[in-house]
Amino acid sequence: QTPGKGREFVSGITRSGDTTDYVASVKGRFTISRDNAKNTV
């Protein structure tokens, strides 16, 4: 979220971490991941 703008989706990941999703503007530059053993995304 930036000042004066709404909060926008950037990236998402499934419970298992097997599948990811990105907004077009960050695809190829951002990578989402998770470590369920560490409770961290």
PDB file of all heavy atoms in Angstrom:
ATOM      1  N   GLN A   1       0.846  -1.197   0.000  1.00  0.00           N
ATOM      2  CA  GLN A   1       0.000   0.000   0.000  1.00  0.00           C
ATOM      3  C   GLN A   1       0.877   1.241   0.000  1.00  0.00           C
ATOM      4  O   GLN A   1       1.844   1.337   0.748  1.00  0.00           O
ATOM      5  CB  GLN A   1      -0.914   0.002   1.228  1.00  0.00           C
ATOM      6  CG  GLN A   1      -1.924   1.121   1.245  1.00  0.00           C
ATOM      7  CD  GLN A   1      -2.970   0.927   2.325  1.00  0.00           C
ATOM      8  OE1 GLN A   1      -2.797   0.153   3.278  1.00  0.00           O
ATOM      9  NE2 GLN A   1      -4.090   1.602   2.193  1.00  0.00           N
ATOM     10  N   THR A   2       0.498   2.195  -0.854  1.00  0.00           N
ATOM     11  CA  THR A   2       1.166   3.489  -0.884  1.00  0.00           C
ATOM     12  C   THR A   2       0.170   4.550  -0.437  1.00  0.00           C
ATOM     13  O   THR A   2      -1.051   4.335  -0.516  1.00  0.00           O
ATOM     14  CB  THR A   2       1.683   3.819  -2.288  1.00  0.00           C
ATOM     15  OG1 THR A   2       0.596   3.712  -3.224  1.00  0.00           O
ATOM     16  CG2 THR A   2       2.781   2.850  -2.706  1.00  0.00           C
ATOM     17  N   PRO A   3       0.662   5.712   0.032  1.00  0.00           N
ATOM     18  CA  PRO A   3      -0.242   6.760   0.503  1.00  0.00           C
ATOM     19  C   PRO A   3      -1.243   7.163  -0.569  1.00  0.00           C
ATOM     20  O   PRO A   3      -0.877   7.372  -1.725  1.00  0.00           O
ATOM     21  CB  PRO A   3       0.708   7.912   0.856  1.00  0.00           C
ATOM     22  CG  PRO A   3       1.994   7.247   1.173  1.00  0.00           C
ATOM     23  CD  PRO A   3       2.075   6.068   0.251  1.00  0.00           C
ATOM     24  N   GLY A   4      -2.475   7.225  -0.198  1.00  0.00           N
ATOM     25  CA  GLY A   4      -3.510   7.650  -1.122  1.00  0.00           C
ATOM     26  C   GLY A   4      -4.023   6.558  -2.033  1.00  0.00           C
ATOM     27  O   GLY A   4      -4.933   6.807  -2.840  1.00  0.00           O
ATOM     28  N   LYS A   5      -3.468   5.359  -1.912  1.00  0.00           N
ATOM     29  CA  LYS A   5      -3.923   4.250  -2.746  1.00  0.00           C
ATOM     30  C   LYS A   5      -4.382   3.099  -1.877  1.00  0.00           C
ATOM     31  O   LYS A   5      -3.967   2.967  -0.716  1.00  0.00           O
ATOM     32  CB  LYS A   5      -2.803   3.790  -3.682  1.00  0.00           C
ATOM     33  CG  LYS A   5      -2.421   4.798  -4.739  1.00  0.00           C
ATOM     34  CD  LYS A   5      -1.363   4.239  -5.688  1.00  0.00           C
ATOM     35  CE  LYS A   5      -1.907   3.108  -6.533  1.00  0.00           C
ATOM     36  NZ  LYS A   5      -0.915   2.622  -7.523  1.00  0.00           N
ATOM     37  N   GLY A   6      -5.205   2.289  -2.450  1.00  0.00           N
ATOM     38  CA  GLY A   6      -5.672   1.121  -1.724  1.00  0.00           C
ATOM     39  C   GLY A   6      -4.598   0.055  -1.618  1.00  0.00           C
ATOM     40  O   GLY A   6      -3.579   0.098  -2.308  1.00  0.00           O
ATOM     41  N   ARG A   7      -4.830  -0.881  -0.744  1.00  0.00           N
ATOM     42  CA  ARG A   7      -3.904  -1.985  -0.580  1.00  0.00           C
ATOM     43  C   ARG A   7      -4.080  -2.950  -1.745  1.00  0.00           C
ATOM     44  O   ARG A   7      -5.212  -3.334  -2.075  1.00  0.00           O
ATOM     45  CB  ARG A   7      -4.195  -2.687   0.764  1.00  0.00           C
ATOM     46  CG  ARG A   7      -3.109  -3.606   1.237  1.00  0.00           C
ATOM     47  CD  ARG A   7      -3.350  -4.031   2.676  1.00  0.00           C
ATOM     48  NE  ARG A   7      -3.316  -2.898   3.592  1.00  0.00           N
ATOM     49  CZ  ARG A   7      -3.354  -3.046   4.921  1.00  0.00           C
ATOM     50  NH1 ARG A   7      -3.439  -4.251   5.458  1.00  0.00           N
ATOM     51  NH2 ARG A   7      -3.322  -1.986   5.705  1.00  0.00           N
ATOM     52  N   GLU A   8      -2.972  -3.341  -2.363  1.00  0.00           N
ATOM     53  CA  GLU A   8      -3.073  -4.191  -3.543  1.00  0.00           C
ATOM     54  C   GLU A   8      -2.348  -5.519  -3.324  1.00  0.00           C
ATOM     55  O   GLU A   8      -1.333  -5.596  -2.638  1.00  0.00           O
ATOM     56  CB  GLU A   8      -2.483  -3.498  -4.782  1.00  0.00           C
ATOM     57  CG  GLU A   8      -0.997  -3.259  -4.737  1.00  0.00           C
ATOM     58  CD  GLU A   8      -0.417  -2.845  -6.093  1.00  0.00           C
ATOM     59  OE1 GLU A   8      -1.131  -2.879  -7.102  1.00  0.00           O
ATOM     60  OE2 GLU A   8       0.785  -2.490  -6.113  1.00  0.00           O
ATOM     61  N   PHE A   9      -2.900  -6.531  -3.942  1.00  0.00           N
ATOM     62  CA  PHE A   9      -2.305  -7.870  -3.914  1.00  0.00           C
ATOM     63  C   PHE A   9      -0.986  -7.863  -4.674  1.00  0.00           C
ATOM     64  O   PHE A   9      -0.867  -7.279  -5.747  1.00  0.00           O
ATOM     65  CB  PHE A   9      -3.274  -8.865  -4.548  1.00  0.00           C
ATOM     66  CG  PHE A   9      -2.720 -10.244  -4.734  1.00  0.00           C
ATOM     67  CD1 PHE A   9      -2.776 -11.168  -3.691  1.00  0.00           C
ATOM     68  CD2 PHE A   9      -2.157 -10.635  -5.934  1.00  0.00           C
ATOM     69  CE1 PHE A   9      -2.281 -12.455  -3.858  1.00  0.00           C
ATOM     70  CE2 PHE A   9      -1.662 -11.914  -6.108  1.00  0.00           C
ATOM     71  CZ  PHE A   9      -1.720 -12.831  -5.071  1.00  0.00           C
ATOM     72  N   VAL A  10       0.007  -8.534  -4.110  1.00  0.00           N
ATOM     73  CA  VAL A  10       1.314  -8.675  -4.758  1.00  0.00           C
ATOM     74  C   VAL A  10       1.583 -10.129  -5.123  1.00  0.00           C
ATOM     75  O   VAL A  10       1.938 -10.440  -6.258  1.00  0.00           O
ATOM     76  CB  VAL A  10       2.447  -8.154  -3.845  1.00  0.00           C
ATOM     77  CG1 VAL A  10       3.808  -8.421  -4.476  1.00  0.00           C
ATOM     78  CG2 VAL A  10       2.263  -6.672  -3.557  1.00  0.00           C
ATOM     79  N   SER A  11       1.398 -11.022  -4.149  1.00  0.00           N
ATOM     80  CA  SER A  11       1.744 -12.417  -4.382  1.00  0.00           C
ATOM     81  C   SER A  11       1.021 -13.303  -3.387  1.00  0.00           C
ATOM     82  O   SER A  11       0.672 -12.868  -2.287  1.00  0.00           O
ATOM     83  CB  SER A  11       3.257 -12.600  -4.240  1.00  0.00           C
ATOM     84  OG  SER A  11       3.645 -13.933  -4.494  1.00  0.00           O
ATOM     85  N   GLY A  12       0.797 -14.562  -3.774  1.00  0.00           N
ATOM     86  CA  GLY A  12       0.157 -15.516  -2.882  1.00  0.00           C
ATOM     87  C   GLY A  12       0.782 -16.895  -3.024  1.00  0.00           C
ATOM     88  O   GLY A  12       1.434 -17.200  -4.035  1.00  0.00           O
ATOM     89  N   ILE A  13       0.575 -17.717  -2.008  1.00  0.00           N
ATOM     90  CA  ILE A  13       1.149 -19.059  -2.009  1.00  0.00           C
ATOM     91  C   ILE A  13       0.197 -20.005  -1.298  1.00  0.00           C
ATOM     92  O   ILE A  13      -0.464 -19.641  -0.323  1.00  0.00           O
ATOM     93  CB  ILE A  13       2.545 -19.049  -1.343  1.00  0.00           C
ATOM     94  CG1 ILE A  13       3.279 -20.367  -1.543  1.00  0.00           C
ATOM     95  CG2 ILE A  13       2.455 -18.671   0.139  1.00  0.00           C
ATOM     96  CD1 ILE A  13       4.768 -20.289  -1.196  1.00  0.00           C
ATOM     97  N   THR A  14       0.113 -21.219  -1.797  1.00  0.00           N
ATOM     98  CA  THR A  14      -0.767 -22.220  -1.198  1.00  0.00           C
ATOM     99  C   THR A  14      -0.231 -22.691   0.147  1.00  0.00           C
ATOM    100  O   THR A  14       0.901 -22.401   0.525  1.00  0.00           O
ATOM    101  CB  THR A  14      -0.909 -23.426  -2.132  1.00  0.00           C
ATOM    102  OG1 THR A  14       0.416 -23.940  -2.430  1.00  0.00           O
ATOM    103  CG2 THR A  14      -1.600 -23.042  -3.431  1.00  0.00           C
ATOM    104  N   ARG A  15      -1.040 -23.453   0.856  1.00  0.00           N
ATOM    105  CA  ARG A  15      -0.646 -23.969   2.174  1.00  0.00           C
ATOM    106  C   ARG A  15       0.629 -24.796   2.088  1.00  0.00           C
ATOM    107  O   ARG A  15       1.503 -24.724   2.953  1.00  0.00           O
ATOM    108  CB  ARG A  15      -1.750 -24.844   2.751  1.00  0.00           C
ATOM    109  CG  ARG A  15      -3.059 -24.161   2.966  1.00  0.00           C
ATOM    110  CD  ARG A  15      -4.067 -25.071   3.677  1.00  0.00           C
ATOM    111  NE  ARG A  15      -4.016 -26.442   3.230  1.00  0.00           N
ATOM    112  CZ  ARG A  15      -4.771 -27.411   3.741  1.00  0.00           C
ATOM    113  NH1 ARG A  15      -5.629 -27.135   4.719  1.00  0.00           N
ATOM    114  NH2 ARG A  15      -4.678 -28.643   3.292  1.00  0.00           N
ATOM    115  N   SER A  16       0.741 -25.588   1.049  1.00  0.00           N
ATOM    116  CA  SER A  16       1.902 -26.463   0.897  1.00  0.00           C
ATOM    117  C   SER A  16       3.122 -25.732   0.353  1.00  0.00           C
ATOM    118  O   SER A  16       4.248 -26.211   0.496  1.00  0.00           O
ATOM    119  CB  SER A  16       1.560 -27.619  -0.035  1.00  0.00           C
ATOM    120  OG  SER A  16       1.332 -27.128  -1.340  1.00  0.00           O
ATOM    121  N   GLY A  17       2.887 -24.603  -0.295  1.00  0.00           N
ATOM    122  CA  GLY A  17       3.977 -23.890  -0.952  1.00  0.00           C
ATOM    123  C   GLY A  17       4.224 -24.346  -2.372  1.00  0.00           C
ATOM    124  O   GLY A  17       5.128 -23.848  -3.036  1.00  0.00           O
ATOM    125  N   ASP A  18       3.396 -25.264  -2.867  1.00  0.00           N
ATOM    126  CA  ASP A  18       3.637 -25.837  -4.194  1.00  0.00           C
ATOM    127  C   ASP A  18       3.256 -24.902  -5.325  1.00  0.00           C
ATOM    128  O   ASP A  18       3.790 -25.019  -6.447  1.00  0.00           O
ATOM    129  CB  ASP A  18       2.851 -27.145  -4.343  1.00  0.00           C
ATOM    130  CG  ASP A  18       3.477 -28.281  -3.558  1.00  0.00           C
ATOM    131  OD1 ASP A  18       4.618 -28.112  -3.075  1.00  0.00           O
ATOM    132  OD2 ASP A  18       2.819 -29.325  -3.421  1.00  0.00           O
ATOM    133  N   THR A  19       2.312 -24.005  -5.080  1.00  0.00           N
ATOM    134  CA  THR A  19       1.820 -23.142  -6.151  1.00  0.00           C
ATOM    135  C   THR A  19       1.851 -21.695  -5.699  1.00  0.00           C
ATOM    136  O   THR A  19       1.530 -21.395  -4.545  1.00  0.00           O
ATOM    137  CB  THR A  19       0.384 -23.536  -6.538  1.00  0.00           C
ATOM    138  OG1 THR A  19       0.331 -24.939  -6.801  1.00  0.00           O
ATOM    139  CG2 THR A  19      -0.081 -22.786  -7.775  1.00  0.00           C
ATOM    140  N   THR A  20       2.234 -20.823  -6.622  1.00  0.00           N
ATOM    141  CA  THR A  20       2.356 -19.405  -6.307  1.00  0.00           C
ATOM    142  C   THR A  20       1.618 -18.555  -7.337  1.00  0.00           C
ATOM    143  O   THR A  20       1.307 -19.020  -8.444  1.00  0.00           O
ATOM    144  CB  THR A  20       3.830 -18.984  -6.253  1.00  0.00           C
ATOM    145  OG1 THR A  20       4.448 -19.297  -7.504  1.00  0.00           O
ATOM    146  CG2 THR A  20       4.568 -19.707  -5.138  1.00  0.00           C
ATOM    147  N   ASP A  21       1.391 -17.316  -6.958  1.00  0.00           N
ATOM    148  CA  ASP A  21       0.641 -16.380  -7.793  1.00  0.00           C
ATOM    149  C   ASP A  21       1.282 -15.009  -7.637  1.00  0.00           C
ATOM    150  O   ASP A  21       1.709 -14.645  -6.535  1.00  0.00           O
ATOM    151  CB  ASP A  21      -0.825 -16.355  -7.319  1.00  0.00           C
ATOM    152  CG  ASP A  21      -1.710 -15.452  -8.153  1.00  0.00           C
ATOM    153  OD1 ASP A  21      -1.412 -15.242  -9.345  1.00  0.00           O
ATOM    154  OD2 ASP A  21      -2.728 -14.963  -7.610  1.00  0.00           O
ATOM    155  N   TYR A  22       1.330 -14.243  -8.740  1.00  0.00           N
ATOM    156  CA  TYR A  22       1.949 -12.923  -8.709  1.00  0.00           C
ATOM    157  C   TYR A  22       1.123 -11.944  -9.532  1.00  0.00           C
ATOM    158  O   TYR A  22       0.577 -12.301 -10.589  1.00  0.00           O
ATOM    159  CB  TYR A  22       3.367 -12.960  -9.297  1.00  0.00           C
ATOM    160  CG  TYR A  22       4.307 -13.884  -8.573  1.00  0.00           C
ATOM    161  CD1 TYR A  22       4.480 -15.200  -8.993  1.00  0.00           C
ATOM    162  CD2 TYR A  22       5.019 -13.453  -7.463  1.00  0.00           C
ATOM    163  CE1 TYR A  22       5.333 -16.065  -8.325  1.00  0.00           C
ATOM    164  CE2 TYR A  22       5.878 -14.308  -6.786  1.00  0.00           C
ATOM    165  CZ  TYR A  22       6.024 -15.612  -7.223  1.00  0.00           C
ATOM    166  OH  TYR A  22       6.877 -16.464  -6.554  1.00  0.00           O
ATOM    167  N   VAL A  23       1.098 -10.716  -9.076  1.00  0.00           N
ATOM    168  CA  VAL A  23       0.545  -9.656  -9.901  1.00  0.00           C
ATOM    169  C   VAL A  23       1.518  -9.404 -11.051  1.00  0.00           C
ATOM    170  O   VAL A  23       2.736  -9.619 -10.904  1.00  0.00           O
ATOM    171  CB  VAL A  23       0.308  -8.384  -9.052  1.00  0.00           C
ATOM    172  CG1 VAL A  23       1.613  -7.749  -8.629  1.00  0.00           C
ATOM    173  CG2 VAL A  23      -0.575  -7.401  -9.789  1.00  0.00           C
ATOM    174  N   ALA A  24       1.016  -8.993 -12.180  1.00  0.00           N
ATOM    175  CA  ALA A  24       1.828  -8.891 -13.391  1.00  0.00           C
ATOM    176  C   ALA A  24       3.050  -7.981 -13.203  1.00  0.00           C
ATOM    177  O   ALA A  24       4.125  -8.243 -13.747  1.00  0.00           O
ATOM    178  CB  ALA A  24       0.970  -8.389 -14.542  1.00  0.00           C
ATOM    179  N   SER A  25       2.903  -6.928 -12.422  1.00  0.00           N
ATOM    180  CA  SER A  25       3.978  -5.948 -12.296  1.00  0.00           C
ATOM    181  C   SER A  25       5.207  -6.473 -11.560  1.00  0.00           C
ATOM    182  O   SER A  25       6.276  -5.857 -11.640  1.00  0.00           O
ATOM    183  CB  SER A  25       3.455  -4.698 -11.594  1.00  0.00           C
ATOM    184  OG  SER A  25       2.976  -5.006 -10.307  1.00  0.00           O
ATOM    185  N   VAL A  26       5.088  -7.581 -10.837  1.00  0.00           N
ATOM    186  CA  VAL A  26       6.235  -8.119 -10.096  1.00  0.00           C
ATOM    187  C   VAL A  26       6.674  -9.482 -10.606  1.00  0.00           C
ATOM    188  O   VAL A  26       7.710 -10.006 -10.163  1.00  0.00           O
ATOM    189  CB  VAL A  26       5.942  -8.211  -8.580  1.00  0.00           C
ATOM    190  CG1 VAL A  26       5.434  -6.879  -8.050  1.00  0.00           C
ATOM    191  CG2 VAL A  26       4.986  -9.332  -8.246  1.00  0.00           C
ATOM    192  N   LYS A  27       5.923 -10.041 -11.514  1.00  0.00           N
ATOM    193  CA  LYS A  27       6.246 -11.373 -12.017  1.00  0.00           C
ATOM    194  C   LYS A  27       7.627 -11.370 -12.653  1.00  0.00           C
ATOM    195  O   LYS A  27       7.962 -10.483 -13.441  1.00  0.00           O
ATOM    196  CB  LYS A  27       5.175 -11.813 -13.022  1.00  0.00           C
ATOM    197  CG  LYS A  27       5.016 -13.316 -13.140  1.00  0.00           C
ATOM    198  CD  LYS A  27       3.726 -13.663 -13.847  1.00  0.00           C
ATOM    199  CE  LYS A  27       3.462 -15.153 -13.785  1.00  0.00           C
ATOM    200  NZ  LYS A  27       2.175 -15.524 -14.410  1.00  0.00           N
ATOM    201  N   GLY A  28       8.426 -12.370 -12.292  1.00  0.00           N
ATOM    202  CA  GLY A  28       9.785 -12.445 -12.808  1.00  0.00           C
ATOM    203  C   GLY A  28      10.805 -11.715 -11.955  1.00  0.00           C
ATOM    204  O   GLY A  28      12.015 -11.910 -12.118  1.00  0.00           O
ATOM    205  N   ARG A  29      10.329 -10.863 -11.036  1.00  0.00           N
ATOM    206  CA  ARG A  29      11.237 -10.126 -10.154  1.00  0.00           C
ATOM    207  C   ARG A  29      11.086 -10.555  -8.693  1.00  0.00           C
ATOM    208  O   ARG A  29      12.061 -10.554  -7.940  1.00  0.00           O
ATOM    209  CB  ARG A  29      10.974  -8.619 -10.259  1.00  0.00           C
ATOM    210  CG  ARG A  29      11.158  -8.047 -11.639  1.00  0.00           C
ATOM    211  CD  ARG A  29      11.071  -6.519 -11.627  1.00  0.00           C
ATOM    212  NE  ARG A  29       9.758  -6.034 -11.196  1.00  0.00           N
ATOM    213  CZ  ARG A  29       9.563  -5.234 -10.154  1.00  0.00           C
ATOM    214  NH1 ARG A  29      10.588  -4.825  -9.419  1.00  0.00           N
ATOM    215  NH2 ARG A  29       8.338  -4.828  -9.843  1.00  0.00           N
ATOM    216  N   PHE A  30       9.892 -10.896  -8.274  1.00  0.00           N
ATOM    217  CA  PHE A  30       9.610 -11.290  -6.891  1.00  0.00           C
ATOM    218  C   PHE A  30       9.373 -12.792  -6.818  1.00  0.00           C
ATOM    219  O   PHE A  30       8.815 -13.383  -7.747  1.00  0.00           O
ATOM    220  CB  PHE A  30       8.373 -10.580  -6.361  1.00  0.00           C
ATOM    221  CG  PHE A  30       8.504  -9.097  -6.136  1.00  0.00           C
ATOM    222  CD1 PHE A  30       9.611  -8.386  -6.588  1.00  0.00           C
ATOM    223  CD2 PHE A  30       7.513  -8.407  -5.454  1.00  0.00           C
ATOM    224  CE1 PHE A  30       9.730  -7.023  -6.375  1.00  0.00           C
ATOM    225  CE2 PHE A  30       7.617  -7.046  -5.225  1.00  0.00           C
ATOM    226  CZ  PHE A  30       8.727  -6.353  -5.700  1.00  0.00           C
ATOM    227  N   THR A  31       9.763 -13.376  -5.694  1.00  0.00           N
ATOM    228  CA  THR A  31       9.521 -14.791  -5.451  1.00  0.00           C
ATOM    229  C   THR A  31       8.988 -14.987  -4.043  1.00  0.00           C
ATOM    230  O   THR A  31       9.622 -14.568  -3.071  1.00  0.00           O
ATOM    231  CB  THR A  31      10.803 -15.625  -5.620  1.00  0.00           C
ATOM    232  OG1 THR A  31      11.339 -15.423  -6.926  1.00  0.00           O
ATOM    233  CG2 THR A  31      10.507 -17.108  -5.420  1.00  0.00           C
ATOM    234  N   ILE A  32       7.834 -15.615  -3.959  1.00  0.00           N
ATOM    235  CA  ILE A  32       7.248 -15.939  -2.658  1.00  0.00           C
ATOM    236  C   ILE A  32       7.591 -17.381  -2.313  1.00  0.00           C
ATOM    237  O   ILE A  32       7.646 -18.250  -3.190  1.00  0.00           O
ATOM    238  CB  ILE A  32       5.726 -15.714  -2.655  1.00  0.00           C
ATOM    239  CG1 ILE A  32       5.149 -15.812  -1.244  1.00  0.00           C
ATOM    240  CG2 ILE A  32       5.026 -16.655  -3.630  1.00  0.00           C
ATOM    241  CD1 ILE A  32       3.664 -15.398  -1.160  1.00  0.00           C
ATOM    242  N   SER A  33       7.839 -17.632  -1.038  1.00  0.00           N
ATOM    243  CA  SER A  33       8.107 -18.988  -0.573  1.00  0.00           C
ATOM    244  C   SER A  33       7.686 -19.088   0.891  1.00  0.00           C
ATOM    245  O   SER A  33       7.398 -18.079   1.530  1.00  0.00           O
ATOM    246  CB  SER A  33       9.587 -19.353  -0.737  1.00  0.00           C
ATOM    247  OG  SER A  33      10.397 -18.485   0.045  1.00  0.00           O
ATOM    248  N   ARG A  34       7.638 -20.293   1.395  1.00  0.00           N
ATOM    249  CA  ARG A  34       7.272 -20.479   2.798  1.00  0.00           C
ATOM    250  C   ARG A  34       8.024 -21.667   3.363  1.00  0.00           C
ATOM    251  O   ARG A  34       8.380 -22.600   2.637  1.00  0.00           O
ATOM    252  CB  ARG A  34       5.769 -20.653   2.961  1.00  0.00           C
ATOM    253  CG  ARG A  34       5.200 -21.918   2.363  1.00  0.00           C
ATOM    254  CD  ARG A  34       3.666 -21.894   2.405  1.00  0.00           C
ATOM    255  NE  ARG A  34       3.132 -21.916   3.764  1.00  0.00           N
ATOM    256  CZ  ARG A  34       1.880 -21.587   4.058  1.00  0.00           C
ATOM    257  NH1 ARG A  34       1.041 -21.191   3.110  1.00  0.00           N
ATOM    258  NH2 ARG A  34       1.460 -21.650   5.316  1.00  0.00           N
ATOM    259  N   ASP A  35       8.220 -21.620   4.674  1.00  0.00           N
ATOM    260  CA  ASP A  35       8.818 -22.719   5.408  1.00  0.00           C
ATOM    261  C   ASP A  35       7.860 -23.041   6.550  1.00  0.00           C
ATOM    262  O   ASP A  35       7.827 -22.328   7.562  1.00  0.00           O
ATOM    263  CB  ASP A  35      10.192 -22.312   5.940  1.00  0.00           C
ATOM    264  CG  ASP A  35      10.934 -23.461   6.618  1.00  0.00           C
ATOM    265  OD1 ASP A  35      10.280 -24.418   7.053  1.00  0.00           O
ATOM    266  OD2 ASP A  35      12.156 -23.372   6.719  1.00  0.00           O
ATOM    267  N   ASN A  36       7.065 -24.070   6.369  1.00  0.00           N
ATOM    268  CA  ASN A  36       6.050 -24.390   7.373  1.00  0.00           C
ATOM    269  C   ASN A  36       6.669 -24.859   8.687  1.00  0.00           C
ATOM    270  O   ASN A  36       6.052 -24.723   9.741  1.00  0.00           O
ATOM    271  CB  ASN A  36       5.078 -25.430   6.826  1.00  0.00           C
ATOM    272  CG  ASN A  36       4.115 -24.828   5.813  1.00  0.00           C
ATOM    273  OD1 ASN A  36       3.937 -23.612   5.725  1.00  0.00           O
ATOM    274  ND2 ASN A  36       3.488 -25.684   5.014  1.00  0.00           N
ATOM    275  N   ALA A  37       7.860 -25.413   8.634  1.00  0.00           N
ATOM    276  CA  ALA A  37       8.529 -25.828   9.869  1.00  0.00           C
ATOM    277  C   ALA A  37       8.934 -24.616  10.708  1.00  0.00           C
ATOM    278  O   ALA A  37       9.033 -24.707  11.935  1.00  0.00           O
ATOM    279  CB  ALA A  37       9.751 -26.665   9.543  1.00  0.00           C
ATOM    280  N   LYS A  38       9.151 -23.478  10.040  1.00  0.00           N
ATOM    281  CA  LYS A  38       9.544 -22.255  10.739  1.00  0.00           C
ATOM    282  C   LYS A  38       8.396 -21.265  10.859  1.00  0.00           C
ATOM    283  O   LYS A  38       8.581 -20.143  11.340  1.00  0.00           O
ATOM    284  CB  LYS A  38      10.718 -21.588  10.027  1.00  0.00           C
ATOM    285  CG  LYS A  38      11.997 -22.413  10.038  1.00  0.00           C
ATOM    286  CD  LYS A  38      13.140 -21.667   9.372  1.00  0.00           C
ATOM    287  CE  LYS A  38      14.421 -22.482   9.430  1.00  0.00           C
ATOM    288  NZ  LYS A  38      15.560 -21.779   8.762  1.00  0.00           N
ATOM    289  N   ASN A  39       7.212 -21.654  10.381  1.00  0.00           N
ATOM    290  CA  ASN A  39       6.047 -20.759  10.434  1.00  0.00           C
ATOM    291  C   ASN A  39       6.351 -19.400   9.801  1.00  0.00           C
ATOM    292  O   ASN A  39       5.974 -18.347  10.343  1.00  0.00           O
ATOM    293  CB  ASN A  39       5.579 -20.553  11.881  1.00  0.00           C
ATOM    294  CG  ASN A  39       4.822 -21.743  12.425  1.00  0.00           C
ATOM    295  OD1 ASN A  39       4.760 -22.796  11.782  1.00  0.00           O
ATOM    296  ND2 ASN A  39       4.265 -21.617  13.604  1.00  0.00           N
ATOM    297  N   THR A  40       6.998 -19.416   8.660  1.00  0.00           N
ATOM    298  CA  THR A  40       7.446 -18.180   8.035  1.00  0.00           C
ATOM    299  C   THR A  40       7.179 -18.201   6.533  1.00  0.00           C
ATOM    300  O   THR A  40       7.359 -19.238   5.887  1.00  0.00           O
ATOM    301  CB  THR A  40       8.943 -17.948   8.298  1.00  0.00           C
ATOM    302  OG1 THR A  40       9.183 -17.930   9.719  1.00  0.00           O
ATOM    303  CG2 THR A  40       9.397 -16.618   7.719  1.00  0.00           C
ATOM    304  N   VAL A  41       6.753 -17.063   6.030  1.00  0.00           N
ATOM    305  CA  VAL A  41       6.614 -16.864   4.591  1.00  0.00           C
ATOM    306  C   VAL A  41       7.558 -15.736   4.192  1.00  0.00           C
ATOM    307  O   VAL A  41       7.786 -14.795   4.964  1.00  0.00           O
ATOM    308  CB  VAL A  41       5.149 -16.570   4.202  1.00  0.00           C
ATOM    309  CG1 VAL A  41       4.643 -15.282   4.828  1.00  0.00           C
ATOM    310  CG2 VAL A  41       4.985 -16.533   2.694  1.00  0.00           C
TER     311      VAL A  41
END
